[in-house]
Structures are given as structure tokens and as C-alpha cells.
Amino acid sequence: MKPDDMYPGERSDAAVLARFGMTAAGAQREADQVEDENADDGLTGVFYYGSPLDRLGKTEAKQAISVRFTPSEIVRITRQAEEFHISRSEYIRRKVLA
């Protein structure tokens, strides 16, 4: 069975959006929010170009802190960071400072 055969109803954009309680304008607003790299969209956070150290201030001293995670948590954090093509440190920094 082809995916198109699985739903015999109307396939217009408006009909599909209505099935999910959405409108075209609402979908566009959400798309604009997700695509805006300067606003936190609840998915990836603000997108930063360049080294994360550039944002932290060149004159301010840097410090490291230790945080204990279980091995399974580290695997999850690593996978999520890889999905966004950022380092694990940057992923944790974004989540903590969000």
C-alpha cells in the first residue's frame, strides 16, 4: 500500500492542516519562528556562528565545572548534540543558559 492510499480524504493543504487543528497562517508563523536563528524556538535554541568562546567575552576568565551524568545520559546528550551539529559542551551550555 502506498502512503497516498492510506488516507482517502481530501489532501489540500487546508484540509491537512485542519486535521491537526492548524491554519496556513499558524503553520507559517511556526515555520518563521523555527527558521529565525536569533530566537529560541524551543527546539534548537538560538543559533550561534563561530566559536562558542567568541560569545563568552574575551576579557572574562573562563572556568570549567564538573557535572556528573550517567553513561546513558551522556549517550543521549551526545546524540542530541550531533543532531544539531554542535559540540556536547555547546549543547549543554545552550540548555543550561536557555
PDB file of N, CA and C in Angstrom:
ATOM      1  N   MET A   1       0.847  -1.178   0.000  1.00  0.00           N
ATOM      2  CA  MET A   1       0.000   0.000   0.000  1.00  0.00           C
ATOM      3  C   MET A   1       0.894   1.244   0.000  1.00  0.00           C
ATOM      4  N   LYS A   2       0.600   2.144  -0.892  1.00  0.00           N
ATOM      5  CA  LYS A   2       1.343   3.395  -0.984  1.00  0.00           C
ATOM      6  C   LYS A   2       0.844   4.363   0.088  1.00  0.00           C
ATOM      7  N   PRO A   3       1.714   5.258   0.565  1.00  0.00           N
ATOM      8  CA  PRO A   3       1.277   6.232   1.583  1.00  0.00           C
ATOM      9  C   PRO A   3       0.049   7.031   1.159  1.00  0.00           C
ATOM     10  N   ASP A   4      -0.046   7.381  -0.128  1.00  0.00           N
ATOM     11  CA  ASP A   4      -1.202   8.153  -0.595  1.00  0.00           C
ATOM     12  C   ASP A   4      -2.503   7.374  -0.472  1.00  0.00           C
ATOM     13  N   ASP A   5      -2.417   6.044  -0.516  1.00  0.00           N
ATOM     14  CA  ASP A   5      -3.616   5.207  -0.415  1.00  0.00           C
ATOM     15  C   ASP A   5      -4.085   5.037   1.026  1.00  0.00           C
ATOM     16  N   MET A   6      -3.251   5.404   1.988  1.00  0.00           N
ATOM     17  CA  MET A   6      -3.584   5.189   3.396  1.00  0.00           C
ATOM     18  C   MET A   6      -4.643   6.168   3.892  1.00  0.00           C
ATOM     19  N   TYR A   7      -4.724   7.330   3.266  1.00  0.00           N
ATOM     20  CA  TYR A   7      -5.729   8.310   3.685  1.00  0.00           C
ATOM     21  C   TYR A   7      -6.541   8.715   2.464  1.00  0.00           C
ATOM     22  N   PRO A   8      -7.785   8.258   2.394  1.00  0.00           N
ATOM     23  CA  PRO A   8      -8.587   8.529   1.197  1.00  0.00           C
ATOM     24  C   PRO A   8      -9.225   9.919   1.164  1.00  0.00           C
ATOM     25  N   GLY A   9      -9.114  10.701   2.235  1.00  0.00           N
ATOM     26  CA  GLY A   9      -9.769  12.010   2.312  1.00  0.00           C
ATOM     27  C   GLY A   9      -9.095  13.064   1.459  1.00  0.00           C
ATOM     28  N   GLU A  10      -9.566  14.273   1.615  1.00  0.00           N
ATOM     29  CA  GLU A  10      -9.043  15.414   0.863  1.00  0.00           C
ATOM     30  C   GLU A  10      -7.596  15.679   1.256  1.00  0.00           C
ATOM     31  N   ARG A  11      -6.789  16.053   0.262  1.00  0.00           N
ATOM     32  CA  ARG A  11      -5.359  16.241   0.508  1.00  0.00           C
ATOM     33  C   ARG A  11      -4.898  17.686   0.317  1.00  0.00           C
ATOM     34  N   SER A  12      -5.801  18.619   0.249  1.00  0.00           N
ATOM     35  CA  SER A  12      -5.384  20.014   0.098  1.00  0.00           C
ATOM     36  C   SER A  12      -4.650  20.452   1.362  1.00  0.00           C
ATOM     37  N   ASP A  13      -3.812  21.484   1.220  1.00  0.00           N
ATOM     38  CA  ASP A  13      -3.073  21.989   2.381  1.00  0.00           C
ATOM     39  C   ASP A  13      -4.022  22.352   3.516  1.00  0.00           C
ATOM     40  N   ALA A  14      -5.094  23.050   3.186  1.00  0.00           N
ATOM     41  CA  ALA A  14      -6.039  23.492   4.216  1.00  0.00           C
ATOM     42  C   ALA A  14      -6.673  22.298   4.924  1.00  0.00           C
ATOM     43  N   ALA A  15      -7.001  21.243   4.164  1.00  0.00           N
ATOM     44  CA  ALA A  15      -7.629  20.064   4.766  1.00  0.00           C
ATOM     45  C   ALA A  15      -6.655  19.330   5.683  1.00  0.00           C
ATOM     46  N   VAL A  16      -5.414  19.198   5.235  1.00  0.00           N
ATOM     47  CA  VAL A  16      -4.406  18.515   6.061  1.00  0.00           C
ATOM     48  C   VAL A  16      -4.155  19.312   7.337  1.00  0.00           C
ATOM     49  N   LEU A  17      -3.980  20.616   7.223  1.00  0.00           N
ATOM     50  CA  LEU A  17      -3.753  21.458   8.400  1.00  0.00           C
ATOM     51  C   LEU A  17      -4.946  21.408   9.348  1.00  0.00           C
ATOM     52  N   ALA A  18      -6.148  21.404   8.804  1.00  0.00           N
ATOM     53  CA  ALA A  18      -7.356  21.362   9.636  1.00  0.00           C
ATOM     54  C   ALA A  18      -7.421  20.078  10.456  1.00  0.00           C
ATOM     55  N   ARG A  19      -6.939  18.982   9.891  1.00  0.00           N
ATOM     56  CA  ARG A  19      -6.927  17.711  10.645  1.00  0.00           C
ATOM     57  C   ARG A  19      -6.087  17.824  11.905  1.00  0.00           C
ATOM     58  N   PHE A  20      -5.118  18.720  11.909  1.00  0.00           N
ATOM     59  CA  PHE A  20      -4.241  18.906  13.066  1.00  0.00           C
ATOM     60  C   PHE A  20      -4.581  20.175  13.842  1.00  0.00           C
ATOM     61  N   GLY A  21      -5.721  20.765  13.534  1.00  0.00           N
ATOM     62  CA  GLY A  21      -6.156  21.965  14.250  1.00  0.00           C
ATOM     63  C   GLY A  21      -5.321  23.188  13.938  1.00  0.00           C
ATOM     64  N   MET A  22      -4.781  23.264  12.726  1.00  0.00           N
ATOM     65  CA  MET A  22      -3.917  24.375  12.346  1.00  0.00           C
ATOM     66  C   MET A  22      -4.484  25.104  11.139  1.00  0.00           C
ATOM     67  N   THR A  23      -3.975  26.307  10.928  1.00  0.00           N
ATOM     68  CA  THR A  23      -4.291  27.075   9.723  1.00  0.00           C
ATOM     69  C   THR A  23      -2.990  27.322   8.968  1.00  0.00           C
ATOM     70  N   ALA A  24      -3.100  27.743   7.720  1.00  0.00           N
ATOM     71  CA  ALA A  24      -1.902  28.052   6.937  1.00  0.00           C
ATOM     72  C   ALA A  24      -1.118  29.188   7.591  1.00  0.00           C
ATOM     73  N   ALA A  25      -1.825  30.190   8.106  1.00  0.00           N
ATOM     74  CA  ALA A  25      -1.146  31.319   8.762  1.00  0.00           C
ATOM     75  C   ALA A  25      -0.427  30.851  10.026  1.00  0.00           C
ATOM     76  N   GLY A  26      -1.062  29.975  10.791  1.00  0.00           N
ATOM     77  CA  GLY A  26      -0.434  29.455  12.009  1.00  0.00           C
ATOM     78  C   GLY A  26       0.795  28.622  11.692  1.00  0.00           C
ATOM     79  N   ALA A  27       0.701  27.802  10.647  1.00  0.00           N
ATOM     80  CA  ALA A  27       1.851  26.991  10.237  1.00  0.00           C
ATOM     81  C   ALA A  27       2.995  27.889   9.778  1.00  0.00           C
ATOM     82  N   GLN A  28       2.672  28.961   9.054  1.00  0.00           N
ATOM     83  CA  GLN A  28       3.706  29.889   8.596  1.00  0.00           C
ATOM     84  C   GLN A  28       4.372  30.595   9.770  1.00  0.00           C
ATOM     85  N   ARG A  29       3.580  31.006  10.778  1.00  0.00           N
ATOM     86  CA  ARG A  29       4.158  31.650  11.976  1.00  0.00           C
ATOM     87  C   ARG A  29       5.131  30.697  12.671  1.00  0.00           C
ATOM     88  N   GLU A  30       4.733  29.432  12.818  1.00  0.00           N
ATOM     89  CA  GLU A  30       5.621  28.467  13.473  1.00  0.00           C
ATOM     90  C   GLU A  30       6.877  28.229  12.651  1.00  0.00           C
ATOM     91  N   ALA A  31       6.738  28.153  11.326  1.00  0.00           N
ATOM     92  CA  ALA A  31       7.903  27.971  10.460  1.00  0.00           C
ATOM     93  C   ALA A  31       8.849  29.160  10.577  1.00  0.00           C
ATOM     94  N   ASP A  32       8.297  30.367  10.580  1.00  0.00           N
ATOM     95  CA  ASP A  32       9.126  31.573  10.722  1.00  0.00           C
ATOM     96  C   ASP A  32       9.886  31.566  12.044  1.00  0.00           C
ATOM     97  N   GLN A  33       9.228  31.133  13.118  1.00  0.00           N
ATOM     98  CA  GLN A  33       9.878  31.096  14.426  1.00  0.00           C
ATOM     99  C   GLN A  33      11.011  30.082  14.430  1.00  0.00           C
ATOM    100  N   VAL A  34      10.781  28.909  13.862  1.00  0.00           N
ATOM    101  CA  VAL A  34      11.810  27.871  13.841  1.00  0.00           C
ATOM    102  C   VAL A  34      12.990  28.305  12.981  1.00  0.00           C
ATOM    103  N   GLU A  35      12.726  29.002  11.882  1.00  0.00           N
ATOM    104  CA  GLU A  35      13.795  29.412  10.972  1.00  0.00           C
ATOM    105  C   GLU A  35      14.549  30.649  11.441  1.00  0.00           C
ATOM    106  N   ASP A  36      14.034  31.385  12.418  1.00  0.00           N
ATOM    107  CA  ASP A  36      14.702  32.579  12.933  1.00  0.00           C
ATOM    108  C   ASP A  36      15.838  32.146  13.847  1.00  0.00           C
ATOM    109  N   GLU A  37      17.057  32.344  13.385  1.00  0.00           N
ATOM    110  CA  GLU A  37      18.222  31.895  14.144  1.00  0.00           C
ATOM    111  C   GLU A  37      18.509  32.767  15.363  1.00  0.00           C
ATOM    112  N   ASN A  38      17.811  33.896  15.502  1.00  0.00           N
ATOM    113  CA  ASN A  38      18.046  34.794  16.627  1.00  0.00           C
ATOM    114  C   ASN A  38      17.034  34.628  17.747  1.00  0.00           C
ATOM    115  N   ALA A  39      16.101  33.695  17.590  1.00  0.00           N
ATOM    116  CA  ALA A  39      15.068  33.481  18.606  1.00  0.00           C
ATOM    117  C   ALA A  39      15.072  32.019  19.030  1.00  0.00           C
ATOM    118  N   ASP A  40      14.832  31.776  20.293  1.00  0.00           N
ATOM    119  CA  ASP A  40      14.747  30.411  20.800  1.00  0.00           C
ATOM    120  C   ASP A  40      13.409  29.827  20.366  1.00  0.00           C
ATOM    121  N   ASP A  41      13.465  28.735  19.620  1.00  0.00           N
ATOM    122  CA  ASP A  41      12.242  28.122  19.114  1.00  0.00           C
ATOM    123  C   ASP A  41      11.776  26.943  19.959  1.00  0.00           C
ATOM    124  N   GLY A  42      12.483  26.662  21.045  1.00  0.00           N
ATOM    125  CA  GLY A  42      12.111  25.529  21.875  1.00  0.00           C
ATOM    126  C   GLY A  42      12.662  24.212  21.355  1.00  0.00           C
ATOM    127  N   LEU A  43      13.310  24.254  20.201  1.00  0.00           N
ATOM    128  CA  LEU A  43      13.886  23.036  19.638  1.00  0.00           C
ATOM    129  C   LEU A  43      15.404  23.076  19.707  1.00  0.00           C
ATOM    130  N   THR A  44      15.985  24.067  19.053  1.00  0.00           N
ATOM    131  CA  THR A  44      17.442  24.147  18.994  1.00  0.00           C
ATOM    132  C   THR A  44      18.012  25.328  19.758  1.00  0.00           C
ATOM    133  N   GLY A  45      17.192  26.269  20.144  1.00  0.00           N
ATOM    134  CA  GLY A  45      17.689  27.474  20.797  1.00  0.00           C
ATOM    135  C   GLY A  45      18.238  28.438  19.763  1.00  0.00           C
ATOM    136  N   VAL A  46      18.861  29.482  20.228  1.00  0.00           N
ATOM    137  CA  VAL A  46      19.454  30.482  19.344  1.00  0.00           C
ATOM    138  C   VAL A  46      20.662  29.856  18.665  1.00  0.00           C
ATOM    139  N   PHE A  47      20.827  30.113  17.369  1.00  0.00           N
ATOM    140  CA  PHE A  47      21.956  29.561  16.630  1.00  0.00           C
ATOM    141  C   PHE A  47      23.106  30.557  16.671  1.00  0.00           C
ATOM    142  N   TYR A  48      24.272  30.086  17.073  1.00  0.00           N
ATOM    143  CA  TYR A  48      25.452  30.941  17.151  1.00  0.00           C
ATOM    144  C   TYR A  48      26.458  30.498  16.106  1.00  0.00           C
ATOM    145  N   TYR A  49      27.001  31.465  15.359  1.00  0.00           N
ATOM    146  CA  TYR A  49      28.042  31.172  14.388  1.00  0.00           C
ATOM    147  C   TYR A  49      29.396  31.324  15.061  1.00  0.00           C
ATOM    148  N   GLY A  50      30.378  30.607  14.543  1.00  0.00           N
ATOM    149  CA  GLY A  50      31.732  30.726  15.049  1.00  0.00           C
ATOM    150  C   GLY A  50      31.941  29.949  16.332  1.00  0.00           C
ATOM    151  N   SER A  51      33.055  30.206  16.960  1.00  0.00           N
ATOM    152  CA  SER A  51      33.407  29.517  18.195  1.00  0.00           C
ATOM    153  C   SER A  51      32.523  29.989  19.341  1.00  0.00           C
ATOM    154  N   PRO A  52      32.068  29.052  20.192  1.00  0.00           N
ATOM    155  CA  PRO A  52      31.284  29.483  21.348  1.00  0.00           C
ATOM    156  C   PRO A  52      32.077  30.391  22.276  1.00  0.00           C
ATOM    157  N   LEU A  53      33.397  30.281  22.221  1.00  0.00           N
ATOM    158  CA  LEU A  53      34.229  31.122  23.083  1.00  0.00           C
ATOM    159  C   LEU A  53      34.148  32.592  22.667  1.00  0.00           C
ATOM    160  N   ASP A  54      33.813  32.851  21.387  1.00  0.00           N
ATOM    161  CA  ASP A  54      33.678  34.236  20.922  1.00  0.00           C
ATOM    162  C   ASP A  54      32.565  34.965  21.662  1.00  0.00           C
ATOM    163  N   ARG A  55      31.495  34.255  22.016  1.00  0.00           N
ATOM    164  CA  ARG A  55      30.356  34.873  22.690  1.00  0.00           C
ATOM    165  C   ARG A  55      30.581  35.064  24.174  1.00  0.00           C
ATOM    166  N   LEU A  56      31.513  34.346  24.741  1.00  0.00           N
ATOM    167  CA  LEU A  56      31.668  34.345  26.187  1.00  0.00           C
ATOM    168  C   LEU A  56      32.463  35.533  26.706  1.00  0.00           C
ATOM    169  N   GLY A  57      32.986  36.330  25.830  1.00  0.00           N
ATOM    170  CA  GLY A  57      33.724  37.516  26.272  1.00  0.00           C
ATOM    171  C   GLY A  57      35.205  37.221  26.379  1.00  0.00           C
ATOM    172  N   LYS A  58      35.987  37.956  25.633  1.00  0.00           N
ATOM    173  CA  LYS A  58      37.426  37.694  25.594  1.00  0.00           C
ATOM    174  C   LYS A  58      38.133  38.125  26.877  1.00  0.00           C
ATOM    175  N   THR A  59      37.582  39.097  27.589  1.00  0.00           N
ATOM    176  CA  THR A  59      38.265  39.593  28.779  1.00  0.00           C
ATOM    177  C   THR A  59      37.874  38.821  30.033  1.00  0.00           C
ATOM    178  N   GLU A  60      36.756  38.132  29.980  1.00  0.00           N
ATOM    179  CA  GLU A  60      36.299  37.401  31.159  1.00  0.00           C
ATOM    180  C   GLU A  60      37.022  36.059  31.253  1.00  0.00           C
ATOM    181  N   ALA A  61      37.514  35.748  32.430  1.00  0.00           N
ATOM    182  CA  ALA A  61      38.214  34.476  32.632  1.00  0.00           C
ATOM    183  C   ALA A  61      37.242  33.313  32.473  1.00  0.00           C
ATOM    184  N   LYS A  62      37.726  32.226  31.883  1.00  0.00           N
ATOM    185  CA  LYS A  62      36.897  31.038  31.683  1.00  0.00           C
ATOM    186  C   LYS A  62      37.142  30.059  32.827  1.00  0.00           C
ATOM    187  N   GLN A  63      36.094  29.386  33.221  1.00  0.00           N
ATOM    188  CA  GLN A  63      36.212  28.363  34.250  1.00  0.00           C
ATOM    189  C   GLN A  63      35.471  27.125  33.790  1.00  0.00           C
ATOM    190  N   ALA A  64      35.917  25.986  34.241  1.00  0.00           N
ATOM    191  CA  ALA A  64      35.247  24.721  33.931  1.00  0.00           C
ATOM    192  C   ALA A  64      34.561  24.211  35.189  1.00  0.00           C
ATOM    193  N   ILE A  65      33.423  23.563  34.999  1.00  0.00           N
ATOM    194  CA  ILE A  65      32.747  22.922  36.122  1.00  0.00           C
ATOM    195  C   ILE A  65      32.507  21.465  35.759  1.00  0.00           C
ATOM    196  N   SER A  66      32.484  20.631  36.754  1.00  0.00           N
ATOM    197  CA  SER A  66      32.221  19.208  36.536  1.00  0.00           C
ATOM    198  C   SER A  66      30.766  18.912  36.840  1.00  0.00           C
ATOM    199  N   VAL A  67      30.156  18.156  35.973  1.00  0.00           N
ATOM    200  CA  VAL A  67      28.779  17.714  36.168  1.00  0.00           C
ATOM    201  C   VAL A  67      28.767  16.218  35.931  1.00  0.00           C
ATOM    202  N   ARG A  68      28.180  15.490  36.859  1.00  0.00           N
ATOM    203  CA  ARG A  68      28.142  14.034  36.719  1.00  0.00           C
ATOM    204  C   ARG A  68      26.884  13.606  35.971  1.00  0.00           C
ATOM    205  N   PHE A  69      27.087  12.775  34.945  1.00  0.00           N
ATOM    206  CA  PHE A  69      25.997  12.188  34.183  1.00  0.00           C
ATOM    207  C   PHE A  69      26.175  10.681  34.162  1.00  0.00           C
ATOM    208  N   THR A  70      25.078   9.966  34.041  1.00  0.00           N
ATOM    209  CA  THR A  70      25.168   8.513  33.874  1.00  0.00           C
ATOM    210  C   THR A  70      25.625   8.241  32.440  1.00  0.00           C
ATOM    211  N   PRO A  71      26.180   7.067  32.194  1.00  0.00           N
ATOM    212  CA  PRO A  71      26.591   6.750  30.818  1.00  0.00           C
ATOM    213  C   PRO A  71      25.445   6.877  29.808  1.00  0.00           C
ATOM    214  N   SER A  72      24.244   6.472  30.188  1.00  0.00           N
ATOM    215  CA  SER A  72      23.120   6.574  29.247  1.00  0.00           C
ATOM    216  C   SER A  72      22.750   8.038  28.993  1.00  0.00           C
ATOM    217  N   GLU A  73      22.887   8.894  29.999  1.00  0.00           N
ATOM    218  CA  GLU A  73      22.622  10.323  29.798  1.00  0.00           C
ATOM    219  C   GLU A  73      23.647  10.931  28.843  1.00  0.00           C
ATOM    220  N   ILE A  74      24.894  10.519  28.984  1.00  0.00           N
ATOM    221  CA  ILE A  74      25.948  11.030  28.108  1.00  0.00           C
ATOM    222  C   ILE A  74      25.683  10.618  26.666  1.00  0.00           C
ATOM    223  N   VAL A  75      25.232   9.387  26.476  1.00  0.00           N
ATOM    224  CA  VAL A  75      24.894   8.924  25.127  1.00  0.00           C
ATOM    225  C   VAL A  75      23.777   9.782  24.545  1.00  0.00           C
ATOM    226  N   ARG A  76      22.733  10.050  25.337  1.00  0.00           N
ATOM    227  CA  ARG A  76      21.611  10.879  24.872  1.00  0.00           C
ATOM    228  C   ARG A  76      22.068  12.299  24.533  1.00  0.00           C
ATOM    229  N   ILE A  77      22.882  12.883  25.418  1.00  0.00           N
ATOM    230  CA  ILE A  77      23.389  14.244  25.191  1.00  0.00           C
ATOM    231  C   ILE A  77      24.229  14.286  23.915  1.00  0.00           C
ATOM    232  N   THR A  78      25.088  13.293  23.747  1.00  0.00           N
ATOM    233  CA  THR A  78      25.946  13.236  22.565  1.00  0.00           C
ATOM    234  C   THR A  78      25.118  13.128  21.293  1.00  0.00           C
ATOM    235  N   ARG A  79      24.119  12.258  21.300  1.00  0.00           N
ATOM    236  CA  ARG A  79      23.252  12.098  20.119  1.00  0.00           C
ATOM    237  C   ARG A  79      22.530  13.399  19.784  1.00  0.00           C
ATOM    238  N   GLN A  80      22.004  14.063  20.809  1.00  0.00           N
ATOM    239  CA  GLN A  80      21.272  15.305  20.559  1.00  0.00           C
ATOM    240  C   GLN A  80      22.207  16.386  20.031  1.00  0.00           C
ATOM    241  N   ALA A  81      23.408  16.471  20.581  1.00  0.00           N
ATOM    242  CA  ALA A  81      24.380  17.461  20.095  1.00  0.00           C
ATOM    243  C   ALA A  81      24.744  17.177  18.640  1.00  0.00           C
ATOM    244  N   GLU A  82      24.927  15.899  18.311  1.00  0.00           N
ATOM    245  CA  GLU A  82      25.272  15.534  16.935  1.00  0.00           C
ATOM    246  C   GLU A  82      24.148  15.884  15.966  1.00  0.00           C
ATOM    247  N   GLU A  83      22.902  15.750  16.410  1.00  0.00           N
ATOM    248  CA  GLU A  83      21.764  16.108  15.550  1.00  0.00           C
ATOM    249  C   GLU A  83      21.815  17.577  15.146  1.00  0.00           C
ATOM    250  N   PHE A  84      22.305  18.434  16.051  1.00  0.00           N
ATOM    251  CA  PHE A  84      22.380  19.864  15.780  1.00  0.00           C
ATOM    252  C   PHE A  84      23.758  20.279  15.268  1.00  0.00           C
ATOM    253  N   HIS A  85      24.650  19.300  15.067  1.00  0.00           N
ATOM    254  CA  HIS A  85      25.998  19.560  14.555  1.00  0.00           C
ATOM    255  C   HIS A  85      26.754  20.549  15.437  1.00  0.00           C
ATOM    256  N   ILE A  86      26.633  20.350  16.742  1.00  0.00           N
ATOM    257  CA  ILE A  86      27.367  21.181  17.700  1.00  0.00           C
ATOM    258  C   ILE A  86      28.078  20.260  18.686  1.00  0.00           C
ATOM    259  N   SER A  87      29.033  20.812  19.410  1.00  0.00           N
ATOM    260  CA  SER A  87      29.752  20.011  20.397  1.00  0.00           C
ATOM    261  C   SER A  87      28.845  19.701  21.583  1.00  0.00           C
ATOM    262  N   ARG A  88      29.212  18.690  22.302  1.00  0.00           N
ATOM    263  CA  ARG A  88      28.458  18.340  23.507  1.00  0.00           C
ATOM    264  C   ARG A  88      28.496  19.490  24.504  1.00  0.00           C
ATOM    265  N   SER A  89      29.639  20.138  24.636  1.00  0.00           N
ATOM    266  CA  SER A  89      29.758  21.282  25.551  1.00  0.00           C
ATOM    267  C   SER A  89      28.818  22.407  25.152  1.00  0.00           C
ATOM    268  N   GLU A  90      28.764  22.703  23.844  1.00  0.00           N
ATOM    269  CA  GLU A  90      27.878  23.769  23.376  1.00  0.00           C
ATOM    270  C   GLU A  90      26.419  23.382  23.601  1.00  0.00           C
ATOM    271  N   TYR A  91      26.079  22.120  23.389  1.00  0.00           N
ATOM    272  CA  TYR A  91      24.699  21.672  23.612  1.00  0.00           C
ATOM    273  C   TYR A  91      24.314  21.868  25.079  1.00  0.00           C
ATOM    274  N   ILE A  92      25.187  21.452  25.985  1.00  0.00           N
ATOM    275  CA  ILE A  92      24.913  21.597  27.425  1.00  0.00           C
ATOM    276  C   ILE A  92      24.835  23.074  27.788  1.00  0.00           C
ATOM    277  N   ARG A  93      25.757  23.887  27.251  1.00  0.00           N
ATOM    278  CA  ARG A  93      25.768  25.331  27.538  1.00  0.00           C
ATOM    279  C   ARG A  93      24.438  25.963  27.120  1.00  0.00           C
ATOM    280  N   ARG A  94      23.943  25.617  25.935  1.00  0.00           N
ATOM    281  CA  ARG A  94      22.670  26.179  25.466  1.00  0.00           C
ATOM    282  C   ARG A  94      21.513  25.773  26.373  1.00  0.00           C
ATOM    283  N   LYS A  95      21.499  24.528  26.808  1.00  0.00           N
ATOM    284  CA  LYS A  95      20.399  24.061  27.650  1.00  0.00           C
ATOM    285  C   LYS A  95      20.449  24.708  29.033  1.00  0.00           C
ATOM    286  N   VAL A  96      21.638  24.867  29.573  1.00  0.00           N
ATOM    287  CA  VAL A  96      21.772  25.447  30.915  1.00  0.00           C
ATOM    288  C   VAL A  96      21.462  26.940  30.895  1.00  0.00           C
ATOM    289  N   LEU A  97      21.926  27.649  29.881  1.00  0.00           N
ATOM    290  CA  LEU A  97      21.779  29.102  29.835  1.00  0.00           C
ATOM    291  C   LEU A  97      20.518  29.561  29.110  1.00  0.00           C
ATOM    292  N   ALA A  98      19.712  28.637  28.644  1.00  0.00           N
ATOM    293  CA  ALA A  98      18.485  28.995  27.892  1.00  0.00           C
ATOM    294  C   ALA A  98      17.517  29.764  28.763  1.00  0.00           C
TER     295      ALA A  98
END
